[in-house]
């Protein structure tokens, strides 16, 4: 039987959005993000981060630097008993026309195959239109938009990752 998952955007959803975050020390979890991810862990969701990281393609930082940033994210989450099961990222510049950059679904489809995920039982949560569109393209169970602006093309709008996850758990 395939697993259910929560596909989470990174910047602006899990952490404070620092444009082209290029230093591990600039990575800061948003309030209650760790608690939200722990709730997902506790409810047997596979937690997958899906993130566009065009700073690599733009030459602002390297894949090695991104690995250090993700190590910091995992450490900060681990200190609060939360964990991410996998991270998929697109390193390309938006003008490259790659097939992995959100809203294209390649990263989610690859994660679903790698981790035996049932997309019809899974959720996409993010703060951007690209996140919601990606979720619609893979026909996931629901999409949740984080932020103050309400958009009609998602399943639920929430002010924070924690509120989004509470809604997911209640489904």
C-alpha atoms as a PDB file:
ATOM      1  CA  UNK A   1       0.000   0.000   0.000  1.00  0.00           C
ATOM      2  CA  UNK A   2       1.381   3.401  -0.971  1.00  0.00           C
ATOM      3  CA  UNK A   3       2.145   6.067   1.615  1.00  0.00           C
ATOM      4  CA  UNK A   4       0.457   9.416   2.172  1.00  0.00           C
ATOM      5  CA  UNK A   5       2.662  12.494   2.076  1.00  0.00           C
ATOM      6  CA  UNK A   6       2.745  16.201   2.726  1.00  0.00           C
ATOM      7  CA  UNK A   7       4.751  18.048   0.093  1.00  0.00           C
ATOM      8  CA  UNK A   8       5.948  21.296   1.636  1.00  0.00           C
ATOM      9  CA  UNK A   9       7.416  24.351   0.003  1.00  0.00           C
ATOM     10  CA  UNK A  10      10.461  25.624   1.914  1.00  0.00           C
ATOM     11  CA  UNK A  11      10.903  29.414   1.737  1.00  0.00           C
ATOM     12  CA  UNK A  12       7.953  31.261   3.248  1.00  0.00           C
ATOM     13  CA  UNK A  13       6.316  28.030   4.404  1.00  0.00           C
ATOM     14  CA  UNK A  14       8.863  26.358   6.708  1.00  0.00           C
ATOM     15  CA  UNK A  15      11.339  29.186   7.089  1.00  0.00           C
ATOM     16  CA  UNK A  16      11.442  32.952   6.927  1.00  0.00           C
ATOM     17  CA  UNK A  17      11.752  33.921   3.287  1.00  0.00           C
ATOM     18  CA  UNK A  18      15.215  35.371   2.767  1.00  0.00           C
ATOM     19  CA  UNK A  19      15.646  36.064  -0.955  1.00  0.00           C
ATOM     20  CA  UNK A  20      18.218  33.619  -2.303  1.00  0.00           C
ATOM     21  CA  UNK A  21      19.120  32.375   1.175  1.00  0.00           C
ATOM     22  CA  UNK A  22      22.803  31.618   0.684  1.00  0.00           C
ATOM     23  CA  UNK A  23      24.095  31.149   4.233  1.00  0.00           C
ATOM     24  CA  UNK A  24      23.048  28.519   6.762  1.00  0.00           C
ATOM     25  CA  UNK A  25      22.970  31.181   9.479  1.00  0.00           C
ATOM     26  CA  UNK A  26      20.257  33.049   7.526  1.00  0.00           C
ATOM     27  CA  UNK A  27      17.934  30.033   7.713  1.00  0.00           C
ATOM     28  CA  UNK A  28      15.327  30.635  10.428  1.00  0.00           C
ATOM     29  CA  UNK A  29      12.287  28.445  11.061  1.00  0.00           C
ATOM     30  CA  UNK A  30       8.924  30.181  11.102  1.00  0.00           C
ATOM     31  CA  UNK A  31       6.973  30.122  14.341  1.00  0.00           C
ATOM     32  CA  UNK A  32       5.464  26.680  15.013  1.00  0.00           C
ATOM     33  CA  UNK A  33       6.816  25.193  11.755  1.00  0.00           C
ATOM     34  CA  UNK A  34       8.650  22.456  13.660  1.00  0.00           C
ATOM     35  CA  UNK A  35       5.519  21.638  15.634  1.00  0.00           C
ATOM     36  CA  UNK A  36       3.542  21.422  12.384  1.00  0.00           C
ATOM     37  CA  UNK A  37       6.049  19.043  10.833  1.00  0.00           C
ATOM     38  CA  UNK A  38       6.097  16.942  14.006  1.00  0.00           C
ATOM     39  CA  UNK A  39       2.288  16.670  13.768  1.00  0.00           C
ATOM     40  CA  UNK A  40       2.703  15.318  10.253  1.00  0.00           C
ATOM     41  CA  UNK A  41       5.368  12.891  11.484  1.00  0.00           C
ATOM     42  CA  UNK A  42       3.101  11.755  14.320  1.00  0.00           C
ATOM     43  CA  UNK A  43       0.228  11.138  11.875  1.00  0.00           C
ATOM     44  CA  UNK A  44       2.338   8.931   9.592  1.00  0.00           C
ATOM     45  CA  UNK A  45       2.796  11.378   6.741  1.00  0.00           C
ATOM     46  CA  UNK A  46       5.961  11.234   4.713  1.00  0.00           C
ATOM     47  CA  UNK A  47       7.202  14.838   4.768  1.00  0.00           C
ATOM     48  CA  UNK A  48       8.867  15.983   1.566  1.00  0.00           C
ATOM     49  CA  UNK A  49      10.272  19.436   0.874  1.00  0.00           C
ATOM     50  CA  UNK A  50       9.831  20.568  -2.737  1.00  0.00           C
ATOM     51  CA  UNK A  51      11.709  23.803  -3.436  1.00  0.00           C
ATOM     52  CA  UNK A  52      12.891  25.929  -6.343  1.00  0.00           C
ATOM     53  CA  UNK A  53      16.452  27.089  -5.667  1.00  0.00           C
ATOM     54  CA  UNK A  54      17.339  29.236  -8.658  1.00  0.00           C
ATOM     55  CA  UNK A  55      20.065  30.928  -6.606  1.00  0.00           C
ATOM     56  CA  UNK A  56      22.247  28.023  -7.719  1.00  0.00           C
ATOM     57  CA  UNK A  57      21.506  28.622 -11.412  1.00  0.00           C
ATOM     58  CA  UNK A  58      22.027  32.338 -10.918  1.00  0.00           C
ATOM     59  CA  UNK A  59      25.456  31.710  -9.361  1.00  0.00           C
ATOM     60  CA  UNK A  60      24.538  33.123  -5.922  1.00  0.00           C
ATOM     61  CA  UNK A  61      25.446  29.909  -4.071  1.00  0.00           C
ATOM     62  CA  UNK A  62      26.487  26.333  -4.766  1.00  0.00           C
ATOM     63  CA  UNK A  63      24.739  22.992  -4.290  1.00  0.00           C
ATOM     64  CA  UNK A  64      27.203  22.366  -1.468  1.00  0.00           C
ATOM     65  CA  UNK A  65      26.018  25.548   0.282  1.00  0.00           C
ATOM     66  CA  UNK A  66      22.409  24.452  -0.224  1.00  0.00           C
ATOM     67  CA  UNK A  67      23.272  21.114   1.409  1.00  0.00           C
ATOM     68  CA  UNK A  68      24.599  23.019   4.439  1.00  0.00           C
ATOM     69  CA  UNK A  69      21.407  25.100   4.588  1.00  0.00           C
ATOM     70  CA  UNK A  70      19.329  21.920   4.480  1.00  0.00           C
ATOM     71  CA  UNK A  71      21.527  20.378   7.184  1.00  0.00           C
ATOM     72  CA  UNK A  72      20.711  23.392   9.362  1.00  0.00           C
ATOM     73  CA  UNK A  73      17.000  22.964   8.631  1.00  0.00           C
ATOM     74  CA  UNK A  74      17.161  19.286   9.626  1.00  0.00           C
ATOM     75  CA  UNK A  75      19.117  20.147  12.783  1.00  0.00           C
ATOM     76  CA  UNK A  76      16.652  22.851  13.866  1.00  0.00           C
ATOM     77  CA  UNK A  77      13.713  20.531  13.231  1.00  0.00           C
ATOM     78  CA  UNK A  78      15.427  17.645  15.014  1.00  0.00           C
ATOM     79  CA  UNK A  79      15.919  19.796  18.100  1.00  0.00           C
ATOM     80  CA  UNK A  80      12.101  19.912  18.238  1.00  0.00           C
ATOM     81  CA  UNK A  81      11.632  16.186  17.490  1.00  0.00           C
ATOM     82  CA  UNK A  82      10.483  16.812  13.906  1.00  0.00           C
ATOM     83  CA  UNK A  83      12.004  15.498  10.713  1.00  0.00           C
ATOM     84  CA  UNK A  84      11.869  15.806   6.943  1.00  0.00           C
ATOM     85  CA  UNK A  85      11.925  12.508   5.055  1.00  0.00           C
ATOM     86  CA  UNK A  86      13.252  13.876   1.757  1.00  0.00           C
ATOM     87  CA  UNK A  87      14.179  17.089  -0.012  1.00  0.00           C
ATOM     88  CA  UNK A  88      13.849  17.662  -3.750  1.00  0.00           C
ATOM     89  CA  UNK A  89      15.027  20.906  -5.313  1.00  0.00           C
ATOM     90  CA  UNK A  90      15.305  22.526  -8.706  1.00  0.00           C
ATOM     91  CA  UNK A  91      18.691  24.278  -9.074  1.00  0.00           C
ATOM     92  CA  UNK A  92      17.961  25.840 -12.447  1.00  0.00           C
ATOM     93  CA  UNK A  93      17.611  29.445 -13.511  1.00  0.00           C
ATOM     94  CA  UNK A  94      13.980  30.158 -14.507  1.00  0.00           C
ATOM     95  CA  UNK A  95      15.061  30.923 -18.090  1.00  0.00           C
ATOM     96  CA  UNK A  96      16.598  27.454 -18.560  1.00  0.00           C
ATOM     97  CA  UNK A  97      13.226  25.861 -19.319  1.00  0.00           C
ATOM     98  CA  UNK A  98      13.906  22.810 -17.183  1.00  0.00           C
ATOM     99  CA  UNK A  99      11.184  20.271 -16.443  1.00  0.00           C
ATOM    100  CA  UNK A 100      11.664  20.245 -12.670  1.00  0.00           C
ATOM    101  CA  UNK A 101      10.925  23.858 -11.717  1.00  0.00           C
ATOM    102  CA  UNK A 102       7.620  24.371  -9.920  1.00  0.00           C
ATOM    103  CA  UNK A 103       4.842  24.517 -10.984  1.00  0.00           C
ATOM    104  CA  UNK A 104       5.943  21.621 -13.198  1.00  0.00           C
ATOM    105  CA  UNK A 105       5.328  18.385 -11.300  1.00  0.00           C
ATOM    106  CA  UNK A 106       8.563  16.464 -11.956  1.00  0.00           C
ATOM    107  CA  UNK A 107       9.935  16.758  -8.382  1.00  0.00           C
ATOM    108  CA  UNK A 108       6.678  15.513  -6.840  1.00  0.00           C
ATOM    109  CA  UNK A 109       6.375  12.677  -9.352  1.00  0.00           C
ATOM    110  CA  UNK A 110       9.951  11.612  -8.669  1.00  0.00           C
ATOM    111  CA  UNK A 111       9.363  11.698  -4.907  1.00  0.00           C
ATOM    112  CA  UNK A 112       6.164   9.671  -5.322  1.00  0.00           C
ATOM    113  CA  UNK A 113       8.066   7.002  -7.232  1.00  0.00           C
ATOM    114  CA  UNK A 114      11.122   7.035  -4.916  1.00  0.00           C
ATOM    115  CA  UNK A 115       9.087   6.911  -1.699  1.00  0.00           C
ATOM    116  CA  UNK A 116       6.030   4.873  -2.802  1.00  0.00           C
ATOM    117  CA  UNK A 117       3.620   7.777  -2.271  1.00  0.00           C
ATOM    118  CA  UNK A 118      -0.053   7.726  -3.178  1.00  0.00           C
ATOM    119  CA  UNK A 119      -0.639  11.213  -4.572  1.00  0.00           C
ATOM    120  CA  UNK A 120      -4.434  10.920  -4.223  1.00  0.00           C
ATOM    121  CA  UNK A 121      -3.928  10.671  -0.430  1.00  0.00           C
ATOM    122  CA  UNK A 122      -1.327  13.443  -0.274  1.00  0.00           C
ATOM    123  CA  UNK A 123      -1.273  17.216   0.195  1.00  0.00           C
ATOM    124  CA  UNK A 124       0.739  20.094  -1.228  1.00  0.00           C
ATOM    125  CA  UNK A 125       1.294  23.047   1.107  1.00  0.00           C
ATOM    126  CA  UNK A 126       3.021  26.250   0.074  1.00  0.00           C
ATOM    127  CA  UNK A 127       2.906  30.015  -0.043  1.00  0.00           C
ATOM    128  CA  UNK A 128       2.989  30.505  -3.797  1.00  0.00           C
ATOM    129  CA  UNK A 129       0.757  30.018  -6.789  1.00  0.00           C
ATOM    130  CA  UNK A 130       3.370  27.641  -8.248  1.00  0.00           C
ATOM    131  CA  UNK A 131       2.923  25.323  -5.246  1.00  0.00           C
ATOM    132  CA  UNK A 132      -0.846  25.213  -5.685  1.00  0.00           C
ATOM    133  CA  UNK A 133      -0.608  24.698  -9.445  1.00  0.00           C
ATOM    134  CA  UNK A 134       1.900  21.864  -8.954  1.00  0.00           C
ATOM    135  CA  UNK A 135      -0.529  20.181  -6.539  1.00  0.00           C
ATOM    136  CA  UNK A 136      -3.336  20.495  -9.044  1.00  0.00           C
ATOM    137  CA  UNK A 137      -1.196  19.012 -11.815  1.00  0.00           C
ATOM    138  CA  UNK A 138      -0.367  15.895  -9.800  1.00  0.00           C
ATOM    139  CA  UNK A 139      -4.015  15.540  -8.713  1.00  0.00           C
ATOM    140  CA  UNK A 140      -3.206  15.351  -5.023  1.00  0.00           C
ATOM    141  CA  UNK A 141      -5.940  15.105  -2.393  1.00  0.00           C
ATOM    142  CA  UNK A 142      -5.793  18.817  -1.553  1.00  0.00           C
ATOM    143  CA  UNK A 143      -3.692  21.957  -1.830  1.00  0.00           C
ATOM    144  CA  UNK A 144      -3.203  24.459   0.977  1.00  0.00           C
ATOM    145  CA  UNK A 145      -2.007  28.023   0.453  1.00  0.00           C
ATOM    146  CA  UNK A 146      -0.103  29.718   3.279  1.00  0.00           C
ATOM    147  CA  UNK A 147      -0.440  33.492   3.591  1.00  0.00           C
ATOM    148  CA  UNK A 148      -2.750  36.396   4.130  1.00  0.00           C
ATOM    149  CA  UNK A 149      -4.164  36.534   0.626  1.00  0.00           C
ATOM    150  CA  UNK A 150      -7.027  34.148  -0.043  1.00  0.00           C
ATOM    151  CA  UNK A 151      -6.974  32.433  -3.415  1.00  0.00           C
ATOM    152  CA  UNK A 152      -9.910  30.493  -4.802  1.00  0.00           C
ATOM    153  CA  UNK A 153      -8.033  27.767  -6.685  1.00  0.00           C
ATOM    154  CA  UNK A 154      -6.782  25.873  -3.637  1.00  0.00           C
ATOM    155  CA  UNK A 155      -8.552  23.587  -1.174  1.00  0.00           C
ATOM    156  CA  UNK A 156      -7.798  25.672   1.919  1.00  0.00           C
ATOM    157  CA  UNK A 157      -6.119  28.958   2.847  1.00  0.00           C
ATOM    158  CA  UNK A 158      -4.189  29.146   6.131  1.00  0.00           C
ATOM    159  CA  UNK A 159      -2.173  31.824   7.892  1.00  0.00           C
ATOM    160  CA  UNK A 160       0.617  29.432   8.897  1.00  0.00           C
ATOM    161  CA  UNK A 161       2.028  25.993   8.275  1.00  0.00           C
ATOM    162  CA  UNK A 162       0.733  24.914  11.685  1.00  0.00           C
ATOM    163  CA  UNK A 163      -2.851  25.932  10.824  1.00  0.00           C
ATOM    164  CA  UNK A 164      -2.523  24.254   7.443  1.00  0.00           C
ATOM    165  CA  UNK A 165      -1.353  21.009   9.019  1.00  0.00           C
ATOM    166  CA  UNK A 166      -4.146  21.088  11.604  1.00  0.00           C
ATOM    167  CA  UNK A 167      -6.600  21.300   8.691  1.00  0.00           C
ATOM    168  CA  UNK A 168      -4.850  18.421   6.878  1.00  0.00           C
ATOM    169  CA  UNK A 169      -4.969  16.231   9.997  1.00  0.00           C
ATOM    170  CA  UNK A 170      -8.706  16.930  10.371  1.00  0.00           C
ATOM    171  CA  UNK A 171      -9.467  15.761   6.817  1.00  0.00           C
END
